[in-house]
mmCIF file of all heavy atoms, coordinates in Angstrom:
data_MODEL
# 
_entry.id   MODEL 
# 
loop_
_atom_site.group_PDB 
_atom_site.id 
_atom_site.type_symbol 
_atom_site.label_atom_id 
_atom_site.label_alt_id 
_atom_site.label_comp_id 
_atom_site.label_asym_id 
_atom_site.label_entity_id 
_atom_site.label_seq_id 
_atom_site.pdbx_PDB_ins_code 
_atom_site.Cartn_x 
_atom_site.Cartn_y 
_atom_site.Cartn_z 
_atom_site.occupancy 
_atom_site.B_iso_or_equiv 
_atom_site.pdbx_formal_charge 
_atom_site.auth_seq_id 
_atom_site.auth_comp_id 
_atom_site.auth_asym_id 
_atom_site.auth_atom_id 
_atom_site.pdbx_PDB_model_num 
ATOM 1   N N   . VAL A 1 1  ? -6.714  19.004 0.308  1.00 0.00 ? 1  VAL A N   1 
ATOM 2   C CA  . VAL A 1 1  ? -7.165  19.863 1.394  1.00 0.00 ? 1  VAL A CA  1 
ATOM 3   C C   . VAL A 1 1  ? -8.385  20.661 0.963  1.00 0.00 ? 1  VAL A C   1 
ATOM 4   O O   . VAL A 1 1  ? -9.363  20.779 1.715  1.00 0.00 ? 1  VAL A O   1 
ATOM 5   C CB  . VAL A 1 1  ? -6.027  20.805 1.840  1.00 0.00 ? 1  VAL A CB  1 
ATOM 6   C CG1 . VAL A 1 1  ? -6.542  21.884 2.788  1.00 0.00 ? 1  VAL A CG1 1 
ATOM 7   C CG2 . VAL A 1 1  ? -4.916  20.013 2.531  1.00 0.00 ? 1  VAL A CG2 1 
ATOM 8   N N   . ASN A 1 2  ? -8.339  21.231 -0.234 1.00 0.00 ? 2  ASN A N   1 
ATOM 9   C CA  . ASN A 1 2  ? -9.470  22.031 -0.710 1.00 0.00 ? 2  ASN A CA  1 
ATOM 10  C C   . ASN A 1 2  ? -10.742 21.170 -0.841 1.00 0.00 ? 2  ASN A C   1 
ATOM 11  O O   . ASN A 1 2  ? -11.823 21.614 -0.453 1.00 0.00 ? 2  ASN A O   1 
ATOM 12  C CB  . ASN A 1 2  ? -9.077  22.618 -2.089 1.00 0.00 ? 2  ASN A CB  1 
ATOM 13  C CG  . ASN A 1 2  ? -10.163 23.566 -2.601 1.00 0.00 ? 2  ASN A CG  1 
ATOM 14  O OD1 . ASN A 1 2  ? -10.435 24.616 -2.001 1.00 0.00 ? 2  ASN A OD1 1 
ATOM 15  N ND2 . ASN A 1 2  ? -10.804 23.219 -3.669 1.00 0.00 ? 2  ASN A ND2 1 
ATOM 16  N N   . VAL A 1 3  ? -10.601 19.946 -1.333 1.00 0.00 ? 3  VAL A N   1 
ATOM 17  C CA  . VAL A 1 3  ? -11.771 19.051 -1.464 1.00 0.00 ? 3  VAL A CA  1 
ATOM 18  C C   . VAL A 1 3  ? -12.331 18.735 -0.093 1.00 0.00 ? 3  VAL A C   1 
ATOM 19  O O   . VAL A 1 3  ? -13.562 18.704 0.109  1.00 0.00 ? 3  VAL A O   1 
ATOM 20  C CB  . VAL A 1 3  ? -11.377 17.785 -2.253 1.00 0.00 ? 3  VAL A CB  1 
ATOM 21  C CG1 . VAL A 1 3  ? -12.518 16.758 -2.184 1.00 0.00 ? 3  VAL A CG1 1 
ATOM 22  C CG2 . VAL A 1 3  ? -11.081 18.123 -3.698 1.00 0.00 ? 3  VAL A CG2 1 
ATOM 23  N N   . VAL A 1 4  ? -11.482 18.445 0.886  1.00 0.00 ? 4  VAL A N   1 
ATOM 24  C CA  . VAL A 1 4  ? -11.939 18.140 2.232  1.00 0.00 ? 4  VAL A CA  1 
ATOM 25  C C   . VAL A 1 4  ? -12.728 19.338 2.809  1.00 0.00 ? 4  VAL A C   1 
ATOM 26  O O   . VAL A 1 4  ? -13.826 19.176 3.372  1.00 0.00 ? 4  VAL A O   1 
ATOM 27  C CB  . VAL A 1 4  ? -10.764 17.801 3.162  1.00 0.00 ? 4  VAL A CB  1 
ATOM 28  C CG1 . VAL A 1 4  ? -11.234 17.814 4.638  1.00 0.00 ? 4  VAL A CG1 1 
ATOM 29  C CG2 . VAL A 1 4  ? -10.218 16.435 2.855  1.00 0.00 ? 4  VAL A CG2 1 
ATOM 30  N N   . LEU A 1 5  ? -12.176 20.539 2.638  1.00 0.00 ? 5  LEU A N   1 
ATOM 31  C CA  . LEU A 1 5  ? -12.827 21.723 3.205  1.00 0.00 ? 5  LEU A CA  1 
ATOM 32  C C   . LEU A 1 5  ? -14.208 21.967 2.549  1.00 0.00 ? 5  LEU A C   1 
ATOM 33  O O   . LEU A 1 5  ? -15.195 22.288 3.226  1.00 0.00 ? 5  LEU A O   1 
ATOM 34  C CB  . LEU A 1 5  ? -11.917 22.946 3.024  1.00 0.00 ? 5  LEU A CB  1 
ATOM 35  C CG  . LEU A 1 5  ? -10.651 22.917 3.870  1.00 0.00 ? 5  LEU A CG  1 
ATOM 36  C CD1 . LEU A 1 5  ? -9.785  24.146 3.516  1.00 0.00 ? 5  LEU A CD1 1 
ATOM 37  C CD2 . LEU A 1 5  ? -10.964 22.901 5.360  1.00 0.00 ? 5  LEU A CD2 1 
ATOM 38  N N   . VAL A 1 6  ? -14.254 21.837 1.225  1.00 0.00 ? 6  VAL A N   1 
ATOM 39  C CA  . VAL A 1 6  ? -15.533 22.067 0.562  1.00 0.00 ? 6  VAL A CA  1 
ATOM 40  C C   . VAL A 1 6  ? -16.520 20.944 0.827  1.00 0.00 ? 6  VAL A C   1 
ATOM 41  O O   . VAL A 1 6  ? -17.705 21.198 1.175  1.00 0.00 ? 6  VAL A O   1 
ATOM 42  C CB  . VAL A 1 6  ? -15.306 22.207 -0.983 1.00 0.00 ? 6  VAL A CB  1 
ATOM 43  C CG1 . VAL A 1 6  ? -16.648 22.306 -1.706 1.00 0.00 ? 6  VAL A CG1 1 
ATOM 44  C CG2 . VAL A 1 6  ? -14.444 23.448 -1.287 1.00 0.00 ? 6  VAL A CG2 1 
ATOM 45  N N   . ALA A 1 7  ? -16.069 19.709 0.740  1.00 0.00 ? 7  ALA A N   1 
ATOM 46  C CA  . ALA A 1 7  ? -16.973 18.561 0.931  1.00 0.00 ? 7  ALA A CA  1 
ATOM 47  C C   . ALA A 1 7  ? -17.499 18.519 2.377  1.00 0.00 ? 7  ALA A C   1 
ATOM 48  O O   . ALA A 1 7  ? -18.631 18.058 2.594  1.00 0.00 ? 7  ALA A O   1 
ATOM 49  C CB  . ALA A 1 7  ? -16.262 17.285 0.592  1.00 0.00 ? 7  ALA A CB  1 
ATOM 50  N N   . SER A 1 8  ? -16.706 18.996 3.332  1.00 0.00 ? 8  SER A N   1 
ATOM 51  C CA  . SER A 1 8  ? -17.120 18.914 4.732  1.00 0.00 ? 8  SER A CA  1 
ATOM 52  C C   . SER A 1 8  ? -18.283 19.837 5.031  1.00 0.00 ? 8  SER A C   1 
ATOM 53  O O   . SER A 1 8  ? -18.914 19.707 6.079  1.00 0.00 ? 8  SER A O   1 
ATOM 54  C CB  . SER A 1 8  ? -15.938 19.252 5.626  1.00 0.00 ? 8  SER A CB  1 
ATOM 55  O OG  . SER A 1 8  ? -15.588 20.624 5.554  1.00 0.00 ? 8  SER A OG  1 
ATOM 56  N N   . LEU A 1 9  ? -18.579 20.767 4.128  1.00 0.00 ? 9  LEU A N   1 
ATOM 57  C CA  . LEU A 1 9  ? -19.756 21.620 4.292  1.00 0.00 ? 9  LEU A CA  1 
ATOM 58  C C   . LEU A 1 9  ? -21.036 20.850 4.030  1.00 0.00 ? 9  LEU A C   1 
ATOM 59  O O   . LEU A 1 9  ? -22.125 21.284 4.451  1.00 0.00 ? 9  LEU A O   1 
ATOM 60  C CB  . LEU A 1 9  ? -19.656 22.822 3.353  1.00 0.00 ? 9  LEU A CB  1 
ATOM 61  C CG  . LEU A 1 9  ? -18.474 23.789 3.600  1.00 0.00 ? 9  LEU A CG  1 
ATOM 62  C CD1 . LEU A 1 9  ? -18.422 24.830 2.465  1.00 0.00 ? 9  LEU A CD1 1 
ATOM 63  C CD2 . LEU A 1 9  ? -18.617 24.463 4.957  1.00 0.00 ? 9  LEU A CD2 1 
ATOM 64  N N   . PHE A 1 10 ? -20.921 19.733 3.313  1.00 0.00 ? 10 PHE A N   1 
ATOM 65  C CA  . PHE A 1 10 ? -22.099 18.963 2.913  1.00 0.00 ? 10 PHE A CA  1 
ATOM 66  C C   . PHE A 1 10 ? -22.095 17.528 3.428  1.00 0.00 ? 10 PHE A C   1 
ATOM 67  O O   . PHE A 1 10 ? -23.187 16.916 3.597  1.00 0.00 ? 10 PHE A O   1 
ATOM 68  C CB  . PHE A 1 10 ? -22.205 18.917 1.369  1.00 0.00 ? 10 PHE A CB  1 
ATOM 69  C CG  . PHE A 1 10 ? -22.080 20.275 0.745  1.00 0.00 ? 10 PHE A CG  1 
ATOM 70  C CD1 . PHE A 1 10 ? -20.861 20.717 0.198  1.00 0.00 ? 10 PHE A CD1 1 
ATOM 71  C CD2 . PHE A 1 10 ? -23.169 21.124 0.674  1.00 0.00 ? 10 PHE A CD2 1 
ATOM 72  C CE1 . PHE A 1 10 ? -20.754 21.971 -0.359 1.00 0.00 ? 10 PHE A CE1 1 
ATOM 73  C CE2 . PHE A 1 10 ? -23.057 22.373 0.096  1.00 0.00 ? 10 PHE A CE2 1 
ATOM 74  C CZ  . PHE A 1 10 ? -21.852 22.808 -0.448 1.00 0.00 ? 10 PHE A CZ  1 
ATOM 75  N N   . LYS A 1 11 ? -20.903 16.983 3.688  1.00 0.00 ? 11 LYS A N   1 
ATOM 76  C CA  . LYS A 1 11 ? -20.782 15.606 4.130  1.00 0.00 ? 11 LYS A CA  1 
ATOM 77  C C   . LYS A 1 11 ? -19.867 15.534 5.349  1.00 0.00 ? 11 LYS A C   1 
ATOM 78  O O   . LYS A 1 11 ? -18.978 16.395 5.500  1.00 0.00 ? 11 LYS A O   1 
ATOM 79  C CB  . LYS A 1 11 ? -20.193 14.710 3.027  1.00 0.00 ? 11 LYS A CB  1 
ATOM 80  C CG  . LYS A 1 11 ? -21.069 14.639 1.746  1.00 0.00 ? 11 LYS A CG  1 
ATOM 81  C CD  . LYS A 1 11 ? -22.328 13.819 1.961  1.00 0.00 ? 11 LYS A CD  1 
ATOM 82  C CE  . LYS A 1 11 ? -23.129 13.735 0.689  1.00 0.00 ? 11 LYS A CE  1 
ATOM 83  N NZ  . LYS A 1 11 ? -24.364 12.917 0.881  1.00 0.00 ? 11 LYS A NZ  1 
ATOM 84  N N   . PRO A 1 12 ? -20.042 14.528 6.222  1.00 0.00 ? 12 PRO A N   1 
ATOM 85  C CA  . PRO A 1 12 ? -19.206 14.409 7.420  1.00 0.00 ? 12 PRO A CA  1 
ATOM 86  C C   . PRO A 1 12 ? -17.845 13.805 7.076  1.00 0.00 ? 12 PRO A C   1 
ATOM 87  O O   . PRO A 1 12 ? -17.500 12.676 7.442  1.00 0.00 ? 12 PRO A O   1 
ATOM 88  C CB  . PRO A 1 12 ? -20.012 13.465 8.314  1.00 0.00 ? 12 PRO A CB  1 
ATOM 89  C CG  . PRO A 1 12 ? -20.786 12.607 7.375  1.00 0.00 ? 12 PRO A CG  1 
ATOM 90  C CD  . PRO A 1 12 ? -21.134 13.507 6.202  1.00 0.00 ? 12 PRO A CD  1 
ATOM 91  N N   . VAL A 1 13 ? -16.988 14.612 6.395  1.00 0.00 ? 13 VAL A N   1 
ATOM 92  C CA  . VAL A 1 13 ? -15.634 14.111 5.996  1.00 0.00 ? 13 VAL A CA  1 
ATOM 93  C C   . VAL A 1 13 ? -14.534 14.938 6.617  1.00 0.00 ? 13 VAL A C   1 
ATOM 94  O O   . VAL A 1 13 ? -13.351 14.704 6.273  1.00 0.00 ? 13 VAL A O   1 
ATOM 95  C CB  . VAL A 1 13 ? -15.498 14.108 4.438  1.00 0.00 ? 13 VAL A CB  1 
ATOM 96  C CG1 . VAL A 1 13 ? -16.520 13.167 3.805  1.00 0.00 ? 13 VAL A CG1 1 
ATOM 97  C CG2 . VAL A 1 13 ? -15.659 15.522 3.877  1.00 0.00 ? 13 VAL A CG2 1 
ATOM 98  N N   . LEU A 1 14 ? -14.848 15.864 7.500  1.00 0.00 ? 14 LEU A N   1 
ATOM 99  C CA  . LEU A 1 14 ? -13.801 16.695 8.073  1.00 0.00 ? 14 LEU A CA  1 
ATOM 100 C C   . LEU A 1 14 ? -12.787 15.880 8.887  1.00 0.00 ? 14 LEU A C   1 
ATOM 101 O O   . LEU A 1 14 ? -11.628 16.264 9.024  1.00 0.00 ? 14 LEU A O   1 
ATOM 102 C CB  . LEU A 1 14 ? -14.395 17.777 8.927  1.00 0.00 ? 14 LEU A CB  1 
ATOM 103 C CG  . LEU A 1 14 ? -13.431 18.925 9.405  1.00 0.00 ? 14 LEU A CG  1 
ATOM 104 C CD1 . LEU A 1 14 ? -12.819 19.628 8.204  1.00 0.00 ? 14 LEU A CD1 1 
ATOM 105 C CD2 . LEU A 1 14 ? -14.188 19.921 10.289 1.00 0.00 ? 14 LEU A CD2 1 
ATOM 106 N N   . ASN A 1 15 ? -13.222 14.730 9.398  1.00 0.00 ? 15 ASN A N   1 
ATOM 107 C CA  . ASN A 1 15 ? -12.299 13.869 10.164 1.00 0.00 ? 15 ASN A CA  1 
ATOM 108 C C   . ASN A 1 15 ? -11.129 13.390 9.280  1.00 0.00 ? 15 ASN A C   1 
ATOM 109 O O   . ASN A 1 15 ? -10.097 12.999 9.817  1.00 0.00 ? 15 ASN A O   1 
ATOM 110 C CB  . ASN A 1 15 ? -13.028 12.710 10.748 1.00 0.00 ? 15 ASN A CB  1 
ATOM 111 C CG  . ASN A 1 15 ? -13.891 13.105 11.936 1.00 0.00 ? 15 ASN A CG  1 
ATOM 112 O OD1 . ASN A 1 15 ? -13.527 13.949 12.730 1.00 0.00 ? 15 ASN A OD1 1 
ATOM 113 N ND2 . ASN A 1 15 ? -15.084 12.521 12.059 1.00 0.00 ? 15 ASN A ND2 1 
ATOM 114 N N   . ALA A 1 16 ? -11.302 13.369 7.967  1.00 0.00 ? 16 ALA A N   1 
ATOM 115 C CA  . ALA A 1 16 ? -10.206 12.992 7.093  1.00 0.00 ? 16 ALA A CA  1 
ATOM 116 C C   . ALA A 1 16 ? -9.030  13.957 7.231  1.00 0.00 ? 16 ALA A C   1 
ATOM 117 O O   . ALA A 1 16 ? -7.880  13.617 6.953  1.00 0.00 ? 16 ALA A O   1 
ATOM 118 C CB  . ALA A 1 16 ? -10.665 12.956 5.621  1.00 0.00 ? 16 ALA A CB  1 
ATOM 119 N N   . GLY A 1 17 ? -9.341  15.182 7.671  1.00 0.00 ? 17 GLY A N   1 
ATOM 120 C CA  . GLY A 1 17 ? -8.269  16.154 7.878  1.00 0.00 ? 17 GLY A CA  1 
ATOM 121 C C   . GLY A 1 17 ? -7.320  15.808 8.992  1.00 0.00 ? 17 GLY A C   1 
ATOM 122 O O   . GLY A 1 17 ? -6.211  16.334 9.047  1.00 0.00 ? 17 GLY A O   1 
ATOM 123 N N   . VAL A 1 18 ? -7.699  14.888 9.865  1.00 0.00 ? 18 VAL A N   1 
ATOM 124 C CA  . VAL A 1 18 ? -6.800  14.424 10.930 1.00 0.00 ? 18 VAL A CA  1 
ATOM 125 C C   . VAL A 1 18 ? -5.508  13.870 10.307 1.00 0.00 ? 18 VAL A C   1 
ATOM 126 O O   . VAL A 1 18 ? -4.414  14.019 10.842 1.00 0.00 ? 18 VAL A O   1 
ATOM 127 C CB  . VAL A 1 18 ? -7.467  13.347 11.792 1.00 0.00 ? 18 VAL A CB  1 
ATOM 128 C CG1 . VAL A 1 18 ? -6.493  12.706 12.772 1.00 0.00 ? 18 VAL A CG1 1 
ATOM 129 C CG2 . VAL A 1 18 ? -8.635  13.964 12.533 1.00 0.00 ? 18 VAL A CG2 1 
ATOM 130 N N   . VAL A 1 19 ? -5.640  13.218 9.141  1.00 0.00 ? 19 VAL A N   1 
ATOM 131 C CA  . VAL A 1 19 ? -4.472  12.677 8.428  1.00 0.00 ? 19 VAL A CA  1 
ATOM 132 C C   . VAL A 1 19 ? -4.018  13.643 7.357  1.00 0.00 ? 19 VAL A C   1 
ATOM 133 O O   . VAL A 1 19 ? -2.824  13.957 7.231  1.00 0.00 ? 19 VAL A O   1 
ATOM 134 C CB  . VAL A 1 19 ? -4.811  11.312 7.814  1.00 0.00 ? 19 VAL A CB  1 
ATOM 135 C CG1 . VAL A 1 19 ? -3.667  10.807 6.952  1.00 0.00 ? 19 VAL A CG1 1 
ATOM 136 C CG2 . VAL A 1 19 ? -5.132  10.306 8.910  1.00 0.00 ? 19 VAL A CG2 1 
ATOM 137 N N   . LEU A 1 20 ? -4.953  14.153 6.536  1.00 0.00 ? 20 LEU A N   1 
ATOM 138 C CA  . LEU A 1 20 ? -4.580  14.883 5.355  1.00 0.00 ? 20 LEU A CA  1 
ATOM 139 C C   . LEU A 1 20 ? -3.998  16.281 5.676  1.00 0.00 ? 20 LEU A C   1 
ATOM 140 O O   . LEU A 1 20 ? -3.064  16.743 4.950  1.00 0.00 ? 20 LEU A O   1 
ATOM 141 C CB  . LEU A 1 20 ? -5.788  15.069 4.440  1.00 0.00 ? 20 LEU A CB  1 
ATOM 142 C CG  . LEU A 1 20 ? -6.293  13.762 3.794  1.00 0.00 ? 20 LEU A CG  1 
ATOM 143 C CD1 . LEU A 1 20 ? -7.488  14.021 2.926  1.00 0.00 ? 20 LEU A CD1 1 
ATOM 144 C CD2 . LEU A 1 20 ? -5.181  13.147 2.942  1.00 0.00 ? 20 LEU A CD2 1 
ATOM 145 N N   . PHE A 1 21 ? -4.496  16.983 6.701  1.00 0.00 ? 21 PHE A N   1 
ATOM 146 C CA  . PHE A 1 21 ? -3.913  18.307 7.013  1.00 0.00 ? 21 PHE A CA  1 
ATOM 147 C C   . PHE A 1 21 ? -2.422  18.212 7.425  1.00 0.00 ? 21 PHE A C   1 
ATOM 148 O O   . PHE A 1 21 ? -1.607  18.909 6.841  1.00 0.00 ? 21 PHE A O   1 
ATOM 149 C CB  . PHE A 1 21 ? -4.750  18.991 8.088  1.00 0.00 ? 21 PHE A CB  1 
ATOM 150 C CG  . PHE A 1 21 ? -6.144  19.345 7.652  1.00 0.00 ? 21 PHE A CG  1 
ATOM 151 C CD1 . PHE A 1 21 ? -7.130  19.537 8.635  1.00 0.00 ? 21 PHE A CD1 1 
ATOM 152 C CD2 . PHE A 1 21 ? -6.479  19.461 6.334  1.00 0.00 ? 21 PHE A CD2 1 
ATOM 153 C CE1 . PHE A 1 21 ? -8.442  19.872 8.249  1.00 0.00 ? 21 PHE A CE1 1 
ATOM 154 C CE2 . PHE A 1 21 ? -7.793  19.798 5.927  1.00 0.00 ? 21 PHE A CE2 1 
ATOM 155 C CZ  . PHE A 1 21 ? -8.746  19.982 6.898  1.00 0.00 ? 21 PHE A CZ  1 
ATOM 156 N N   . PRO A 1 22 ? -2.108  17.357 8.432  1.00 0.00 ? 22 PRO A N   1 
ATOM 157 C CA  . PRO A 1 22 ? -0.674  17.278 8.790  1.00 0.00 ? 22 PRO A CA  1 
ATOM 158 C C   . PRO A 1 22 ? 0.169   16.746 7.609  1.00 0.00 ? 22 PRO A C   1 
ATOM 159 O O   . PRO A 1 22 ? 1.318   17.197 7.441  1.00 0.00 ? 22 PRO A O   1 
ATOM 160 C CB  . PRO A 1 22 ? -0.674  16.277 9.948  1.00 0.00 ? 22 PRO A CB  1 
ATOM 161 C CG  . PRO A 1 22 ? -2.012  16.379 10.524 1.00 0.00 ? 22 PRO A CG  1 
ATOM 162 C CD  . PRO A 1 22 ? -2.937  16.606 9.356  1.00 0.00 ? 22 PRO A CD  1 
ATOM 163 N N   . LEU A 1 23 ? -0.369  15.792 6.822  1.00 0.00 ? 23 LEU A N   1 
ATOM 164 C CA  . LEU A 1 23 ? 0.391   15.255 5.689  1.00 0.00 ? 23 LEU A CA  1 
ATOM 165 C C   . LEU A 1 23 ? 0.682   16.344 4.679  1.00 0.00 ? 23 LEU A C   1 
ATOM 166 O O   . LEU A 1 23 ? 1.785   16.454 4.130  1.00 0.00 ? 23 LEU A O   1 
ATOM 167 C CB  . LEU A 1 23 ? -0.399  14.099 5.047  1.00 0.00 ? 23 LEU A CB  1 
ATOM 168 C CG  . LEU A 1 23 ? 0.300   13.412 3.883  1.00 0.00 ? 23 LEU A CG  1 
ATOM 169 C CD1 . LEU A 1 23 ? 1.633   12.831 4.318  1.00 0.00 ? 23 LEU A CD1 1 
ATOM 170 C CD2 . LEU A 1 23 ? -0.596  12.331 3.314  1.00 0.00 ? 23 LEU A CD2 1 
ATOM 171 N N   . ALA A 1 24 ? -0.309  17.225 4.438  1.00 0.00 ? 24 ALA A N   1 
ATOM 172 C CA  . ALA A 1 24 ? -0.106  18.348 3.524  1.00 0.00 ? 24 ALA A CA  1 
ATOM 173 C C   . ALA A 1 24 ? 0.983   19.264 4.029  1.00 0.00 ? 24 ALA A C   1 
ATOM 174 O O   . ALA A 1 24 ? 1.824   19.747 3.231  1.00 0.00 ? 24 ALA A O   1 
ATOM 175 C CB  . ALA A 1 24 ? -1.405  19.119 3.338  1.00 0.00 ? 24 ALA A CB  1 
# 
């Protein structure tokens, strides 16, 4: 979750949270 949040500031990876946030 932390990597998604930080990386999404620089790369378009926030959509990965659709799976990773609920899974967490």
